[in-house]
Amino acid sequence: MKTTTYIVLSFCLALSSCNTTPKPVVYGEDGCHFCKMTIVDKQHATQFITKKGRTYSFDAMECMLNHLKETDVQSVDKFLTNDYNEPGVFIDATQASYLISENIPSPMGEFLTAFKDGKATAKAQSENDGEVLTWKQLRERFK
């Protein structure tokens, strides 16, 4: 009976250790996993979480996309990005829309910014010019 209890407890512990929720970024202290710069910009930080629960944080979308060139994307559970209009709030990067506009600087100089939805992106584009991209188009561009 004790063996069965230990097996069940071990299984529950293993499941709980694979947490795939975002890890809070400590802005001004945490470093970008790709370029090693300190993450300070709450409007451009990104993160992905593996299926095993490991979190990788980046100071900009372009760093995450460049890191993904060396990563088994099948191991990723969630792609997250900050919403430009809600600094520090992570949203699903695969559902976000993106604007590349030289009028909105980003940490690594690609002028790449994420927005929660197409309406917010269209508004930002009308105010700043630039090119609108989906997640799929963005991934293609950074292959």
N, C-alpha and C. Protein backbone atom coordinates (compact mmCIF):
# COMPACT_ATOMS: atom_id res chain seq x y z
N MET A 1 0.81 -1.19 0.00
CA MET A 1 0.00 0.00 0.00
C MET A 1 0.86 1.26 0.00
N LYS A 2 1.97 1.25 0.81
CA LYS A 2 2.85 2.41 0.87
C LYS A 2 3.51 2.69 -0.47
N THR A 3 3.87 1.64 -1.18
CA THR A 3 4.50 1.80 -2.49
C THR A 3 3.57 2.51 -3.46
N THR A 4 2.31 2.13 -3.48
CA THR A 4 1.32 2.76 -4.35
C THR A 4 1.16 4.24 -4.00
N THR A 5 1.13 4.54 -2.72
CA THR A 5 1.00 5.93 -2.27
C THR A 5 2.20 6.75 -2.74
N TYR A 6 3.40 6.21 -2.60
CA TYR A 6 4.60 6.92 -3.04
C TYR A 6 4.60 7.14 -4.55
N ILE A 7 4.15 6.17 -5.28
CA ILE A 7 4.10 6.30 -6.74
C ILE A 7 3.13 7.41 -7.14
N VAL A 8 1.95 7.41 -6.51
CA VAL A 8 0.95 8.44 -6.81
C VAL A 8 1.47 9.82 -6.42
N LEU A 9 2.08 9.96 -5.27
CA LEU A 9 2.63 11.25 -4.84
C LEU A 9 3.75 11.71 -5.76
N SER A 10 4.59 10.80 -6.16
CA SER A 10 5.68 11.15 -7.09
C SER A 10 5.13 11.62 -8.43
N PHE A 11 4.11 10.94 -8.91
CA PHE A 11 3.47 11.32 -10.17
C PHE A 11 2.86 12.72 -10.07
N CYS A 12 2.17 13.00 -8.97
CA CYS A 12 1.56 14.32 -8.76
C CYS A 12 2.63 15.41 -8.68
N LEU A 13 3.71 15.12 -8.00
CA LEU A 13 4.81 16.08 -7.89
C LEU A 13 5.42 16.35 -9.25
N ALA A 14 5.61 15.33 -10.04
CA ALA A 14 6.17 15.49 -11.38
C ALA A 14 5.26 16.35 -12.26
N LEU A 15 3.98 16.13 -12.16
CA LEU A 15 3.03 16.92 -12.95
C LEU A 15 3.03 18.39 -12.53
N SER A 16 3.09 18.64 -11.25
CA SER A 16 3.05 20.02 -10.77
C SER A 16 4.33 20.77 -11.09
N SER A 17 5.44 20.07 -11.30
CA SER A 17 6.70 20.73 -11.61
C SER A 17 6.75 21.21 -13.06
N CYS A 18 5.87 20.75 -13.92
CA CYS A 18 5.84 21.15 -15.32
C CYS A 18 4.84 22.30 -15.50
N ASN A 19 5.09 23.38 -14.81
CA ASN A 19 4.20 24.53 -14.83
C ASN A 19 4.46 25.35 -16.09
N THR A 20 3.43 25.58 -16.88
CA THR A 20 3.62 26.33 -18.13
C THR A 20 2.94 27.70 -18.06
N THR A 21 3.04 28.34 -16.90
CA THR A 21 2.55 29.71 -16.77
C THR A 21 3.74 30.65 -16.92
N PRO A 22 3.48 31.88 -17.36
CA PRO A 22 4.60 32.82 -17.53
C PRO A 22 5.33 33.09 -16.23
N LYS A 23 6.63 33.24 -16.33
CA LYS A 23 7.45 33.61 -15.18
C LYS A 23 7.55 35.14 -15.22
N PRO A 24 7.25 35.80 -14.12
CA PRO A 24 7.35 37.26 -14.13
C PRO A 24 8.77 37.71 -14.49
N VAL A 25 8.87 38.69 -15.36
CA VAL A 25 10.16 39.26 -15.72
C VAL A 25 10.49 40.34 -14.70
N VAL A 26 11.69 40.30 -14.16
CA VAL A 26 12.15 41.35 -13.26
C VAL A 26 12.88 42.36 -14.14
N TYR A 27 12.11 43.36 -14.58
CA TYR A 27 12.66 44.38 -15.48
C TYR A 27 13.79 45.14 -14.78
N GLY A 28 14.88 45.32 -15.52
CA GLY A 28 16.05 45.98 -14.96
C GLY A 28 17.03 45.03 -14.31
N GLU A 29 16.63 43.73 -14.18
CA GLU A 29 17.53 42.74 -13.57
C GLU A 29 17.70 41.50 -14.44
N ASP A 30 16.61 40.96 -14.98
CA ASP A 30 16.69 39.74 -15.80
C ASP A 30 17.39 40.05 -17.12
N GLY A 31 18.11 39.04 -17.62
CA GLY A 31 18.82 39.20 -18.88
C GLY A 31 18.13 38.46 -20.01
N CYS A 32 18.33 38.95 -21.22
CA CYS A 32 17.80 38.31 -22.42
C CYS A 32 18.56 37.00 -22.66
N HIS A 33 17.82 35.94 -22.88
CA HIS A 33 18.45 34.64 -23.09
C HIS A 33 19.29 34.61 -24.36
N PHE A 34 18.97 35.44 -25.35
CA PHE A 34 19.69 35.43 -26.62
C PHE A 34 20.88 36.39 -26.63
N CYS A 35 20.63 37.67 -26.35
CA CYS A 35 21.70 38.67 -26.49
C CYS A 35 22.36 39.05 -25.17
N LYS A 36 21.78 38.58 -24.07
CA LYS A 36 22.31 38.79 -22.71
C LYS A 36 22.13 40.23 -22.21
N MET A 37 21.48 41.11 -22.95
CA MET A 37 21.21 42.46 -22.47
C MET A 37 20.18 42.39 -21.34
N THR A 38 20.20 43.36 -20.46
CA THR A 38 19.22 43.43 -19.39
C THR A 38 17.87 43.81 -19.99
N ILE A 39 16.82 43.13 -19.55
CA ILE A 39 15.47 43.40 -20.05
C ILE A 39 14.91 44.59 -19.27
N VAL A 40 14.67 45.70 -19.96
CA VAL A 40 14.15 46.90 -19.29
C VAL A 40 12.85 47.40 -19.93
N ASP A 41 12.58 47.05 -21.16
CA ASP A 41 11.44 47.59 -21.89
C ASP A 41 10.20 46.72 -21.69
N LYS A 42 9.22 47.25 -20.96
CA LYS A 42 7.99 46.50 -20.67
C LYS A 42 7.05 46.43 -21.86
N GLN A 43 7.35 47.11 -22.94
CA GLN A 43 6.48 47.08 -24.12
C GLN A 43 6.97 46.10 -25.18
N HIS A 44 8.18 45.59 -25.04
CA HIS A 44 8.73 44.74 -26.09
C HIS A 44 9.26 43.39 -25.62
N ALA A 45 9.26 43.12 -24.34
CA ALA A 45 9.81 41.85 -23.84
C ALA A 45 8.96 40.68 -24.33
N THR A 46 9.60 39.53 -24.50
CA THR A 46 8.92 38.31 -24.93
C THR A 46 9.39 37.14 -24.08
N GLN A 47 8.69 36.03 -24.25
CA GLN A 47 9.02 34.84 -23.47
C GLN A 47 8.45 33.63 -24.17
N PHE A 48 9.11 32.50 -24.05
CA PHE A 48 8.44 31.26 -24.40
C PHE A 48 8.65 30.26 -23.29
N ILE A 49 7.70 29.35 -23.21
CA ILE A 49 7.69 28.33 -22.16
C ILE A 49 7.67 26.97 -22.84
N THR A 50 8.58 26.12 -22.44
CA THR A 50 8.62 24.78 -23.03
C THR A 50 7.54 23.90 -22.40
N LYS A 51 7.30 22.77 -23.03
CA LYS A 51 6.32 21.82 -22.51
C LYS A 51 6.75 21.25 -21.16
N LYS A 52 8.05 21.32 -20.87
CA LYS A 52 8.55 20.87 -19.57
C LYS A 52 8.51 21.97 -18.51
N GLY A 53 8.08 23.17 -18.91
CA GLY A 53 7.92 24.26 -17.96
C GLY A 53 9.10 25.21 -17.86
N ARG A 54 10.12 25.04 -18.68
CA ARG A 54 11.27 25.94 -18.65
C ARG A 54 10.90 27.24 -19.37
N THR A 55 11.27 28.37 -18.78
CA THR A 55 10.94 29.68 -19.33
C THR A 55 12.19 30.36 -19.87
N TYR A 56 12.07 30.94 -21.05
CA TYR A 56 13.15 31.71 -21.67
C TYR A 56 12.61 33.12 -21.92
N SER A 57 13.29 34.13 -21.39
CA SER A 57 12.85 35.52 -21.55
C SER A 57 13.80 36.26 -22.48
N PHE A 58 13.24 37.23 -23.20
CA PHE A 58 14.00 37.99 -24.20
C PHE A 58 13.64 39.47 -24.10
N ASP A 59 14.57 40.34 -24.47
CA ASP A 59 14.30 41.76 -24.40
C ASP A 59 13.51 42.29 -25.60
N ALA A 60 13.42 41.48 -26.65
CA ALA A 60 12.68 41.90 -27.84
C ALA A 60 12.28 40.68 -28.66
N MET A 61 11.24 40.84 -29.45
CA MET A 61 10.75 39.74 -30.29
C MET A 61 11.83 39.22 -31.21
N GLU A 62 12.64 40.10 -31.76
CA GLU A 62 13.67 39.64 -32.70
C GLU A 62 14.69 38.73 -32.02
N CYS A 63 14.96 38.94 -30.74
CA CYS A 63 15.85 38.03 -30.02
C CYS A 63 15.22 36.65 -29.88
N MET A 64 13.92 36.63 -29.53
CA MET A 64 13.25 35.33 -29.41
C MET A 64 13.23 34.61 -30.75
N LEU A 65 12.90 35.33 -31.80
CA LEU A 65 12.81 34.71 -33.12
C LEU A 65 14.18 34.20 -33.58
N ASN A 66 15.23 34.93 -33.30
CA ASN A 66 16.57 34.46 -33.65
C ASN A 66 16.97 33.24 -32.82
N HIS A 67 16.58 33.23 -31.55
CA HIS A 67 16.86 32.06 -30.70
C HIS A 67 16.10 30.82 -31.21
N LEU A 68 14.90 31.02 -31.71
CA LEU A 68 14.09 29.89 -32.19
C LEU A 68 14.74 29.17 -33.38
N LYS A 69 15.66 29.83 -34.07
CA LYS A 69 16.38 29.18 -35.17
C LYS A 69 17.21 28.00 -34.66
N GLU A 70 17.57 28.05 -33.37
CA GLU A 70 18.40 27.01 -32.76
C GLU A 70 17.62 26.13 -31.79
N THR A 71 16.29 26.21 -31.83
CA THR A 71 15.45 25.54 -30.85
C THR A 71 14.49 24.59 -31.55
N ASP A 72 14.21 23.47 -30.93
CA ASP A 72 13.17 22.57 -31.41
C ASP A 72 11.83 23.19 -31.05
N VAL A 73 11.19 23.82 -32.02
CA VAL A 73 9.95 24.56 -31.79
C VAL A 73 8.84 23.64 -31.28
N GLN A 74 8.94 22.34 -31.56
CA GLN A 74 7.94 21.38 -31.08
C GLN A 74 7.98 21.26 -29.55
N SER A 75 9.09 21.67 -28.94
CA SER A 75 9.20 21.59 -27.48
C SER A 75 8.56 22.78 -26.78
N VAL A 76 8.14 23.78 -27.56
CA VAL A 76 7.57 25.00 -26.97
C VAL A 76 6.07 24.83 -26.76
N ASP A 77 5.63 25.19 -25.55
CA ASP A 77 4.21 25.13 -25.22
C ASP A 77 3.51 26.45 -25.49
N LYS A 78 4.17 27.57 -25.12
CA LYS A 78 3.55 28.89 -25.28
C LYS A 78 4.58 29.91 -25.74
N PHE A 79 4.15 30.76 -26.67
CA PHE A 79 4.93 31.92 -27.09
C PHE A 79 4.20 33.14 -26.55
N LEU A 80 4.92 34.01 -25.86
CA LEU A 80 4.30 35.18 -25.25
C LEU A 80 5.04 36.45 -25.64
N THR A 81 4.30 37.55 -25.69
CA THR A 81 4.91 38.84 -25.95
C THR A 81 4.18 39.90 -25.15
N ASN A 82 4.88 40.98 -24.85
CA ASN A 82 4.21 42.09 -24.19
C ASN A 82 3.34 42.81 -25.20
N ASP A 83 2.20 43.28 -24.73
CA ASP A 83 1.31 44.10 -25.54
C ASP A 83 1.78 45.55 -25.41
N TYR A 84 2.06 46.19 -26.53
CA TYR A 84 2.58 47.56 -26.53
C TYR A 84 1.69 48.51 -25.73
N ASN A 85 0.39 48.32 -25.83
CA ASN A 85 -0.55 49.23 -25.16
C ASN A 85 -0.79 48.89 -23.69
N GLU A 86 -0.30 47.74 -23.23
CA GLU A 86 -0.40 47.35 -21.82
C GLU A 86 0.98 46.86 -21.37
N PRO A 87 1.90 47.78 -21.13
CA PRO A 87 3.27 47.41 -20.78
C PRO A 87 3.34 46.40 -19.63
N GLY A 88 4.15 45.37 -19.84
CA GLY A 88 4.35 44.34 -18.83
C GLY A 88 3.32 43.24 -18.83
N VAL A 89 2.31 43.33 -19.70
CA VAL A 89 1.26 42.31 -19.77
C VAL A 89 1.55 41.37 -20.94
N PHE A 90 1.76 40.08 -20.63
CA PHE A 90 2.01 39.10 -21.68
C PHE A 90 0.71 38.67 -22.35
N ILE A 91 0.79 38.54 -23.66
CA ILE A 91 -0.31 38.02 -24.47
C ILE A 91 0.23 36.88 -25.33
N ASP A 92 -0.66 36.11 -25.90
CA ASP A 92 -0.29 35.00 -26.79
C ASP A 92 0.35 35.58 -28.05
N ALA A 93 1.61 35.32 -28.24
CA ALA A 93 2.34 35.88 -29.39
C ALA A 93 1.81 35.34 -30.72
N THR A 94 1.25 34.14 -30.71
CA THR A 94 0.75 33.57 -31.97
C THR A 94 -0.56 34.21 -32.41
N GLN A 95 -1.24 34.89 -31.49
CA GLN A 95 -2.51 35.55 -31.79
C GLN A 95 -2.34 37.07 -31.94
N ALA A 96 -1.20 37.58 -31.57
CA ALA A 96 -0.94 39.02 -31.66
C ALA A 96 -0.73 39.43 -33.11
N SER A 97 -0.82 40.71 -33.34
CA SER A 97 -0.42 41.23 -34.65
C SER A 97 0.74 42.19 -34.41
N TYR A 98 1.54 42.39 -35.44
CA TYR A 98 2.82 43.07 -35.29
C TYR A 98 2.94 44.23 -36.26
N LEU A 99 3.64 45.26 -35.82
CA LEU A 99 3.90 46.42 -36.65
C LEU A 99 5.40 46.67 -36.66
N ILE A 100 5.93 46.81 -37.86
CA ILE A 100 7.31 47.25 -38.01
C ILE A 100 7.24 48.69 -38.48
N SER A 101 7.61 49.60 -37.58
CA SER A 101 7.55 51.03 -37.88
C SER A 101 8.77 51.72 -37.28
N GLU A 102 9.47 52.48 -38.09
CA GLU A 102 10.64 53.20 -37.60
C GLU A 102 10.26 54.29 -36.61
N ASN A 103 8.98 54.55 -36.45
CA ASN A 103 8.53 55.56 -35.50
C ASN A 103 8.28 54.98 -34.10
N ILE A 104 8.41 53.65 -33.97
CA ILE A 104 8.28 53.00 -32.66
C ILE A 104 9.55 52.18 -32.43
N PRO A 105 10.53 52.75 -31.74
CA PRO A 105 11.78 52.03 -31.51
C PRO A 105 11.58 50.80 -30.62
N SER A 106 12.36 49.77 -30.89
CA SER A 106 12.36 48.58 -30.04
C SER A 106 13.80 48.34 -29.58
N PRO A 107 14.01 47.55 -28.53
CA PRO A 107 15.33 47.41 -27.93
C PRO A 107 16.45 47.00 -28.88
N MET A 108 16.18 46.15 -29.86
CA MET A 108 17.24 45.65 -30.72
C MET A 108 17.28 46.33 -32.09
N GLY A 109 16.49 47.37 -32.27
CA GLY A 109 16.58 48.17 -33.49
C GLY A 109 15.83 47.64 -34.69
N GLU A 110 14.98 46.64 -34.52
CA GLU A 110 14.19 46.12 -35.64
C GLU A 110 12.85 46.86 -35.77
N PHE A 111 12.54 47.73 -34.80
CA PHE A 111 11.28 48.51 -34.81
C PHE A 111 10.05 47.61 -34.85
N LEU A 112 10.14 46.49 -34.16
CA LEU A 112 9.10 45.46 -34.17
C LEU A 112 8.31 45.52 -32.87
N THR A 113 6.99 45.70 -33.00
CA THR A 113 6.12 45.89 -31.85
C THR A 113 4.89 45.00 -31.96
N ALA A 114 4.47 44.41 -30.84
CA ALA A 114 3.29 43.53 -30.81
C ALA A 114 2.09 44.26 -30.23
N PHE A 115 0.92 43.89 -30.79
CA PHE A 115 -0.35 44.43 -30.31
C PHE A 115 -1.32 43.28 -30.11
N LYS A 116 -2.22 43.46 -29.15
CA LYS A 116 -3.18 42.42 -28.77
C LYS A 116 -4.09 42.01 -29.92
N ASP A 117 -4.47 42.97 -30.76
CA ASP A 117 -5.40 42.64 -31.84
C ASP A 117 -5.18 43.55 -33.05
N GLY A 118 -5.85 43.20 -34.13
CA GLY A 118 -5.71 43.94 -35.39
C GLY A 118 -6.17 45.38 -35.30
N LYS A 119 -7.17 45.65 -34.50
CA LYS A 119 -7.68 47.01 -34.35
C LYS A 119 -6.61 47.92 -33.74
N ALA A 120 -5.95 47.45 -32.69
CA ALA A 120 -4.88 48.22 -32.06
C ALA A 120 -3.71 48.42 -33.01
N THR A 121 -3.40 47.38 -33.78
CA THR A 121 -2.31 47.47 -34.74
C THR A 121 -2.64 48.48 -35.84
N ALA A 122 -3.87 48.44 -36.35
CA ALA A 122 -4.29 49.38 -37.40
C ALA A 122 -4.22 50.82 -36.90
N LYS A 123 -4.62 51.05 -35.65
CA LYS A 123 -4.55 52.39 -35.07
C LYS A 123 -3.10 52.86 -34.99
N ALA A 124 -2.21 51.98 -34.49
CA ALA A 124 -0.79 52.32 -34.38
C ALA A 124 -0.19 52.57 -35.76
N GLN A 125 -0.60 51.77 -36.75
CA GLN A 125 -0.09 51.96 -38.11
C GLN A 125 -0.55 53.29 -38.68
N SER A 126 -1.80 53.67 -38.43
CA SER A 126 -2.30 54.95 -38.95
C SER A 126 -1.57 56.13 -38.32
N GLU A 127 -1.09 55.96 -37.10
CA GLU A 127 -0.37 57.03 -36.40
C GLU A 127 1.13 57.01 -36.67
N ASN A 128 1.68 55.85 -37.05
CA ASN A 128 3.14 55.71 -37.15
C ASN A 128 3.65 55.15 -38.47
N ASP A 129 2.76 54.85 -39.40
CA ASP A 129 3.13 54.18 -40.65
C ASP A 129 3.69 52.80 -40.34
N GLY A 130 4.24 52.13 -41.33
CA GLY A 130 4.87 50.84 -41.11
C GLY A 130 4.12 49.69 -41.75
N GLU A 131 4.66 48.51 -41.54
CA GLU A 131 4.15 47.28 -42.14
C GLU A 131 3.56 46.38 -41.06
N VAL A 132 2.35 45.86 -41.31
CA VAL A 132 1.67 44.97 -40.38
C VAL A 132 1.93 43.52 -40.77
N LEU A 133 2.23 42.70 -39.75
CA LEU A 133 2.52 41.28 -39.98
C LEU A 133 1.76 40.41 -38.98
N THR A 134 1.43 39.20 -39.40
CA THR A 134 0.89 38.19 -38.51
C THR A 134 2.06 37.40 -37.91
N TRP A 135 1.77 36.55 -36.94
CA TRP A 135 2.79 35.67 -36.35
C TRP A 135 3.44 34.81 -37.44
N LYS A 136 2.62 34.25 -38.31
CA LYS A 136 3.14 33.38 -39.37
C LYS A 136 4.08 34.15 -40.30
N GLN A 137 3.68 35.35 -40.69
CA GLN A 137 4.53 36.17 -41.57
C GLN A 137 5.83 36.57 -40.86
N LEU A 138 5.72 36.85 -39.58
CA LEU A 138 6.90 37.21 -38.80
C LEU A 138 7.88 36.05 -38.72
N ARG A 139 7.37 34.86 -38.45
CA ARG A 139 8.21 33.66 -38.39
C ARG A 139 8.91 33.42 -39.74
N GLU A 140 8.20 33.61 -40.82
CA GLU A 140 8.79 33.44 -42.15
C GLU A 140 9.93 34.43 -42.38
N ARG A 141 9.72 35.66 -41.95
CA ARG A 141 10.72 36.70 -42.14
C ARG A 141 12.00 36.41 -41.37
N PHE A 142 11.88 35.75 -40.23
CA PHE A 142 13.04 35.50 -39.37
C PHE A 142 13.57 34.07 -39.48
N LYS A 143 13.26 33.37 -40.55
CA LYS A 143 13.80 32.01 -40.73
C LYS A 143 15.25 32.05 -41.09
